[in-house]
Amino acid sequence: KLPPTEESTVFRLLKEVQYYAVLEGNKDLTALMTKRAIRLSLQKKILSKDMVSILATHTRLLGQDITKAKLANAYGNAAEKASEVFREDKGLYSEVQVVLHGCVYPLLRPH
């Protein structure tokens, strides 16, 4: 578990670039922004709300491909655990739960 931080300018920038990549349909750039955010978070040993949102967005994109269900579940679980650090932010909690229940869990059900 990483400690939360309010200073997340870099994570906010990564989130904005990821958002742009999603709109453009650039999956490679989206994945790169996610990996950079994870690496930065681990290097600096901090966690921000924007980092959780980056994980949730990546999870949602993975959830669009049934062959990546297990990977989507892993990212979704990481996003859910990370969101627990920011319990007071109900919007962030809702974002993660919508992704999990709308994109990930349906993929894991037997078809």
Foldseek 3Di string as FASTA:
>chain_A
DFAEDPPCPVLVVLLVQLVVCVVVVNVVSLVVSLVVLVVVCVVVRYAYLSNLVSLLVNLLVLLVDLVSLVVSVVSLVVSQVSCVNVVVPVVSNVSSVCSCVVRRPVSVDDD
